[in-house]
């Protein structure tokens, strides 16, 4: 399974990113972006992560966003500019990836809700157990399900869910 990534961001590019999104990027995520400016899975183009509260017990993972202005749907800044205001109630939040179907993974740094969450923005899992979410939907935004306590744990969860034959390929 190929994992396709872009070359990491330089220190000044990371500073510019923080300024553009008006969020202080946690150190672990900042280090990831310094190594890989996002990545996506290819052939198959998604992985599966366990999430007990949803009906199937799994959710998809497709990609980590990167700074890629030429690819608006994969661009960290564009995606957050367009959608993250829907989660204004959650404190500081940053969409860092998605499932391939429009449901983002969100890194929340606001007090009381820190962690990485699966945001059921498209209401894909709204028929699931109404007590299984960690942050209730507000104003139609979709519920949030906590998948990890921080970025490092989330990254490890993704890597552990992928097959052993993963091949890292840098996109040119």
C-alpha atoms as a PDB file:
ATOM      1  CA  UNK A   1       0.000   0.000   0.000  1.00  0.00           C
ATOM      2  CA  UNK A   2       1.558   3.308  -1.047  1.00  0.00           C
ATOM      3  CA  UNK A   3       1.471   6.219   1.374  1.00  0.00           C
ATOM      4  CA  UNK A   4       2.125   9.336  -0.707  1.00  0.00           C
ATOM      5  CA  UNK A   5       3.470  12.430   1.040  1.00  0.00           C
ATOM      6  CA  UNK A   6       4.892  15.845   0.201  1.00  0.00           C
ATOM      7  CA  UNK A   7       8.221  17.098   1.511  1.00  0.00           C
ATOM      8  CA  UNK A   8       7.947  18.620   4.976  1.00  0.00           C
ATOM      9  CA  UNK A   9       7.512  22.302   5.686  1.00  0.00           C
ATOM     10  CA  UNK A  10      10.378  24.551   6.739  1.00  0.00           C
ATOM     11  CA  UNK A  11      10.281  26.416  10.068  1.00  0.00           C
ATOM     12  CA  UNK A  12       9.212  29.697   8.417  1.00  0.00           C
ATOM     13  CA  UNK A  13       6.461  27.884   6.476  1.00  0.00           C
ATOM     14  CA  UNK A  14       5.155  26.418   9.729  1.00  0.00           C
ATOM     15  CA  UNK A  15       5.134  29.888  11.297  1.00  0.00           C
ATOM     16  CA  UNK A  16       3.226  31.228   8.271  1.00  0.00           C
ATOM     17  CA  UNK A  17       0.728  28.366   8.608  1.00  0.00           C
ATOM     18  CA  UNK A  18       0.034  29.225  12.249  1.00  0.00           C
ATOM     19  CA  UNK A  19      -0.491  32.851  11.311  1.00  0.00           C
ATOM     20  CA  UNK A  20      -2.854  31.921   8.460  1.00  0.00           C
ATOM     21  CA  UNK A  21      -5.042  29.662  10.619  1.00  0.00           C
ATOM     22  CA  UNK A  22      -4.779  31.714  13.833  1.00  0.00           C
ATOM     23  CA  UNK A  23      -4.147  28.568  15.878  1.00  0.00           C
ATOM     24  CA  UNK A  24      -0.998  27.578  17.738  1.00  0.00           C
ATOM     25  CA  UNK A  25      -0.078  24.208  16.260  1.00  0.00           C
ATOM     26  CA  UNK A  26       0.809  21.644  18.960  1.00  0.00           C
ATOM     27  CA  UNK A  27       4.465  20.588  18.873  1.00  0.00           C
ATOM     28  CA  UNK A  28       3.819  16.957  17.856  1.00  0.00           C
ATOM     29  CA  UNK A  29       1.723  18.023  14.858  1.00  0.00           C
ATOM     30  CA  UNK A  30       4.228  20.719  13.969  1.00  0.00           C
ATOM     31  CA  UNK A  31       6.992  18.082  13.927  1.00  0.00           C
ATOM     32  CA  UNK A  32       4.874  15.857  11.659  1.00  0.00           C
ATOM     33  CA  UNK A  33       4.353  18.723   9.195  1.00  0.00           C
ATOM     34  CA  UNK A  34       8.112  19.327   9.258  1.00  0.00           C
ATOM     35  CA  UNK A  35       8.623  15.702   8.134  1.00  0.00           C
ATOM     36  CA  UNK A  36       5.617  15.297   5.843  1.00  0.00           C
ATOM     37  CA  UNK A  37       3.421  18.035   4.447  1.00  0.00           C
ATOM     38  CA  UNK A  38       0.382  15.787   4.652  1.00  0.00           C
ATOM     39  CA  UNK A  39      -0.150  12.376   3.068  1.00  0.00           C
ATOM     40  CA  UNK A  40      -2.777  10.225   1.426  1.00  0.00           C
ATOM     41  CA  UNK A  41      -3.260   6.495   1.120  1.00  0.00           C
ATOM     42  CA  UNK A  42      -3.319   4.860  -2.285  1.00  0.00           C
ATOM     43  CA  UNK A  43      -4.439   1.414  -3.488  1.00  0.00           C
ATOM     44  CA  UNK A  44      -6.559   1.026  -1.439  1.00  0.00           C
ATOM     45  CA  UNK A  45      -7.199   4.696  -0.871  1.00  0.00           C
ATOM     46  CA  UNK A  46      -8.320   4.447   2.747  1.00  0.00           C
ATOM     47  CA  UNK A  47      -7.606   2.677   6.003  1.00  0.00           C
ATOM     48  CA  UNK A  48      -9.936   1.779   8.834  1.00  0.00           C
ATOM     49  CA  UNK A  49      -9.727   2.862  12.456  1.00  0.00           C
ATOM     50  CA  UNK A  50     -11.706   1.315  15.315  1.00  0.00           C
ATOM     51  CA  UNK A  51     -14.520   3.412  16.784  1.00  0.00           C
ATOM     52  CA  UNK A  52     -16.938   1.412  18.948  1.00  0.00           C
ATOM     53  CA  UNK A  53     -19.834   3.911  19.086  1.00  0.00           C
ATOM     54  CA  UNK A  54     -20.530   3.737  15.332  1.00  0.00           C
ATOM     55  CA  UNK A  55     -22.644   0.940  13.890  1.00  0.00           C
ATOM     56  CA  UNK A  56     -19.851  -0.851  11.990  1.00  0.00           C
ATOM     57  CA  UNK A  57     -17.304  -0.278  14.773  1.00  0.00           C
ATOM     58  CA  UNK A  58     -14.855   1.310  12.305  1.00  0.00           C
ATOM     59  CA  UNK A  59     -14.343   4.615  10.531  1.00  0.00           C
ATOM     60  CA  UNK A  60     -12.292   5.353   7.435  1.00  0.00           C
ATOM     61  CA  UNK A  61      -9.076   7.351   7.240  1.00  0.00           C
ATOM     62  CA  UNK A  62      -8.002   8.742   3.873  1.00  0.00           C
ATOM     63  CA  UNK A  63      -5.531  11.573   4.359  1.00  0.00           C
ATOM     64  CA  UNK A  64      -3.733  14.145   6.415  1.00  0.00           C
ATOM     65  CA  UNK A  65      -4.115  17.620   4.965  1.00  0.00           C
ATOM     66  CA  UNK A  66      -1.015  19.580   4.041  1.00  0.00           C
ATOM     67  CA  UNK A  67      -0.289  23.090   2.886  1.00  0.00           C
ATOM     68  CA  UNK A  68      -1.182  22.615  -0.771  1.00  0.00           C
ATOM     69  CA  UNK A  69      -2.839  25.759  -2.183  1.00  0.00           C
ATOM     70  CA  UNK A  70      -3.079  24.179  -5.640  1.00  0.00           C
ATOM     71  CA  UNK A  71      -5.301  21.415  -4.174  1.00  0.00           C
ATOM     72  CA  UNK A  72      -8.053  23.208  -2.250  1.00  0.00           C
ATOM     73  CA  UNK A  73      -9.765  20.031  -1.006  1.00  0.00           C
ATOM     74  CA  UNK A  74      -6.457  18.785   0.494  1.00  0.00           C
ATOM     75  CA  UNK A  75      -5.184  22.133   1.702  1.00  0.00           C
ATOM     76  CA  UNK A  76      -5.059  22.578   5.464  1.00  0.00           C
ATOM     77  CA  UNK A  77      -5.651  26.328   5.268  1.00  0.00           C
ATOM     78  CA  UNK A  78      -8.495  26.223   2.716  1.00  0.00           C
ATOM     79  CA  UNK A  79     -10.331  23.404   4.477  1.00  0.00           C
ATOM     80  CA  UNK A  80     -10.131  25.134   7.848  1.00  0.00           C
ATOM     81  CA  UNK A  81     -11.088  28.518   6.404  1.00  0.00           C
ATOM     82  CA  UNK A  82     -14.214  26.974   4.904  1.00  0.00           C
ATOM     83  CA  UNK A  83     -15.415  24.615   7.630  1.00  0.00           C
ATOM     84  CA  UNK A  84     -13.811  24.932  11.070  1.00  0.00           C
ATOM     85  CA  UNK A  85     -15.983  27.883  12.158  1.00  0.00           C
ATOM     86  CA  UNK A  86     -18.841  25.340  12.478  1.00  0.00           C
ATOM     87  CA  UNK A  87     -17.005  24.088  15.586  1.00  0.00           C
ATOM     88  CA  UNK A  88     -16.610  27.501  17.214  1.00  0.00           C
ATOM     89  CA  UNK A  89     -18.078  26.099  20.439  1.00  0.00           C
ATOM     90  CA  UNK A  90     -15.231  23.578  20.890  1.00  0.00           C
ATOM     91  CA  UNK A  91     -12.392  26.001  21.606  1.00  0.00           C
ATOM     92  CA  UNK A  92      -9.317  25.990  19.425  1.00  0.00           C
ATOM     93  CA  UNK A  93      -9.823  23.375  16.720  1.00  0.00           C
ATOM     94  CA  UNK A  94      -7.948  22.473  13.547  1.00  0.00           C
ATOM     95  CA  UNK A  95      -9.099  20.001  10.891  1.00  0.00           C
ATOM     96  CA  UNK A  96      -6.013  17.917  10.084  1.00  0.00           C
ATOM     97  CA  UNK A  97      -7.358  15.150   7.827  1.00  0.00           C
ATOM     98  CA  UNK A  98     -10.456  13.327   6.688  1.00  0.00           C
ATOM     99  CA  UNK A  99     -12.104  10.004   5.994  1.00  0.00           C
ATOM    100  CA  UNK A 100     -12.469  10.517   2.243  1.00  0.00           C
ATOM    101  CA  UNK A 101     -16.178  11.262   2.528  1.00  0.00           C
ATOM    102  CA  UNK A 102     -16.120  14.774   3.965  1.00  0.00           C
ATOM    103  CA  UNK A 103     -15.822  13.875   7.645  1.00  0.00           C
ATOM    104  CA  UNK A 104     -12.714  15.521   9.104  1.00  0.00           C
ATOM    105  CA  UNK A 105     -10.364  14.543  11.863  1.00  0.00           C
ATOM    106  CA  UNK A 106     -10.024  17.523  14.178  1.00  0.00           C
ATOM    107  CA  UNK A 107      -7.217  18.368  16.576  1.00  0.00           C
ATOM    108  CA  UNK A 108      -8.770  20.262  19.496  1.00  0.00           C
ATOM    109  CA  UNK A 109      -6.541  22.203  21.860  1.00  0.00           C
ATOM    110  CA  UNK A 110      -9.278  24.064  23.753  1.00  0.00           C
ATOM    111  CA  UNK A 111      -9.357  23.422  27.481  1.00  0.00           C
ATOM    112  CA  UNK A 112     -11.591  20.544  28.466  1.00  0.00           C
ATOM    113  CA  UNK A 113     -11.755  18.907  25.032  1.00  0.00           C
ATOM    114  CA  UNK A 114      -8.090  18.320  24.110  1.00  0.00           C
ATOM    115  CA  UNK A 115      -7.508  15.470  21.675  1.00  0.00           C
ATOM    116  CA  UNK A 116      -8.136  14.262  18.147  1.00  0.00           C
ATOM    117  CA  UNK A 117     -11.758  13.757  17.174  1.00  0.00           C
ATOM    118  CA  UNK A 118     -13.628  12.242  14.268  1.00  0.00           C
ATOM    119  CA  UNK A 119     -16.165  14.873  13.214  1.00  0.00           C
ATOM    120  CA  UNK A 120     -19.287  13.287  11.730  1.00  0.00           C
ATOM    121  CA  UNK A 121     -19.899  16.433   9.711  1.00  0.00           C
ATOM    122  CA  UNK A 122     -21.967  14.664   7.013  1.00  0.00           C
ATOM    123  CA  UNK A 123     -24.085  12.820   9.617  1.00  0.00           C
ATOM    124  CA  UNK A 124     -22.935   9.469   8.260  1.00  0.00           C
ATOM    125  CA  UNK A 125     -23.269   7.920  11.709  1.00  0.00           C
ATOM    126  CA  UNK A 126     -26.249   9.861  13.061  1.00  0.00           C
ATOM    127  CA  UNK A 127     -28.323   6.700  13.407  1.00  0.00           C
ATOM    128  CA  UNK A 128     -25.768   5.292  15.864  1.00  0.00           C
ATOM    129  CA  UNK A 129     -26.036   5.199  19.630  1.00  0.00           C
ATOM    130  CA  UNK A 130     -26.881   8.740  20.664  1.00  0.00           C
ATOM    131  CA  UNK A 131     -24.788   8.374  23.828  1.00  0.00           C
ATOM    132  CA  UNK A 132     -21.613   7.292  21.981  1.00  0.00           C
ATOM    133  CA  UNK A 133     -20.346  10.703  20.930  1.00  0.00           C
ATOM    134  CA  UNK A 134     -17.944  12.765  23.032  1.00  0.00           C
ATOM    135  CA  UNK A 135     -19.077  16.230  21.960  1.00  0.00           C
ATOM    136  CA  UNK A 136     -22.721  16.698  21.021  1.00  0.00           C
ATOM    137  CA  UNK A 137     -23.759  18.232  17.756  1.00  0.00           C
ATOM    138  CA  UNK A 138     -24.638  21.921  17.956  1.00  0.00           C
ATOM    139  CA  UNK A 139     -26.559  23.848  15.315  1.00  0.00           C
ATOM    140  CA  UNK A 140     -26.449  20.906  12.877  1.00  0.00           C
ATOM    141  CA  UNK A 141     -22.648  20.594  12.746  1.00  0.00           C
ATOM    142  CA  UNK A 142     -22.456  16.851  13.511  1.00  0.00           C
ATOM    143  CA  UNK A 143     -21.173  15.056  16.607  1.00  0.00           C
ATOM    144  CA  UNK A 144     -17.521  14.583  17.554  1.00  0.00           C
ATOM    145  CA  UNK A 145     -16.046  11.225  18.602  1.00  0.00           C
ATOM    146  CA  UNK A 146     -12.710  11.216  20.412  1.00  0.00           C
ATOM    147  CA  UNK A 147     -10.227   8.861  18.756  1.00  0.00           C
ATOM    148  CA  UNK A 148      -6.959   9.834  20.479  1.00  0.00           C
ATOM    149  CA  UNK A 149      -5.671  11.944  23.356  1.00  0.00           C
ATOM    150  CA  UNK A 150      -3.205  13.751  21.106  1.00  0.00           C
ATOM    151  CA  UNK A 151      -1.587  13.826  17.699  1.00  0.00           C
ATOM    152  CA  UNK A 152       1.162  11.278  18.443  1.00  0.00           C
ATOM    153  CA  UNK A 153      -1.379   8.703  19.605  1.00  0.00           C
ATOM    154  CA  UNK A 154      -3.553   9.390  16.535  1.00  0.00           C
ATOM    155  CA  UNK A 155      -0.618   8.995  14.143  1.00  0.00           C
ATOM    156  CA  UNK A 156       0.375   5.734  15.870  1.00  0.00           C
ATOM    157  CA  UNK A 157      -3.213   4.466  15.614  1.00  0.00           C
ATOM    158  CA  UNK A 158      -3.246   5.140  11.878  1.00  0.00           C
ATOM    159  CA  UNK A 159       0.128   3.508  11.276  1.00  0.00           C
ATOM    160  CA  UNK A 160      -0.854   0.433  13.338  1.00  0.00           C
ATOM    161  CA  UNK A 161      -4.036   0.027  11.266  1.00  0.00           C
ATOM    162  CA  UNK A 162      -2.173  -0.105   7.950  1.00  0.00           C
ATOM    163  CA  UNK A 163      -0.762  -3.271   6.386  1.00  0.00           C
ATOM    164  CA  UNK A 164       2.871  -4.217   6.979  1.00  0.00           C
ATOM    165  CA  UNK A 165       3.768  -3.659   3.311  1.00  0.00           C
ATOM    166  CA  UNK A 166       3.300   0.120   3.449  1.00  0.00           C
ATOM    167  CA  UNK A 167       5.566   2.004   1.064  1.00  0.00           C
ATOM    168  CA  UNK A 168       6.351   5.668   1.741  1.00  0.00           C
ATOM    169  CA  UNK A 169       6.516   7.583  -1.533  1.00  0.00           C
ATOM    170  CA  UNK A 170       7.439  11.263  -1.732  1.00  0.00           C
ATOM    171  CA  UNK A 171       5.365  13.178  -4.256  1.00  0.00           C
ATOM    172  CA  UNK A 172       7.431  15.346  -6.524  1.00  0.00           C
END
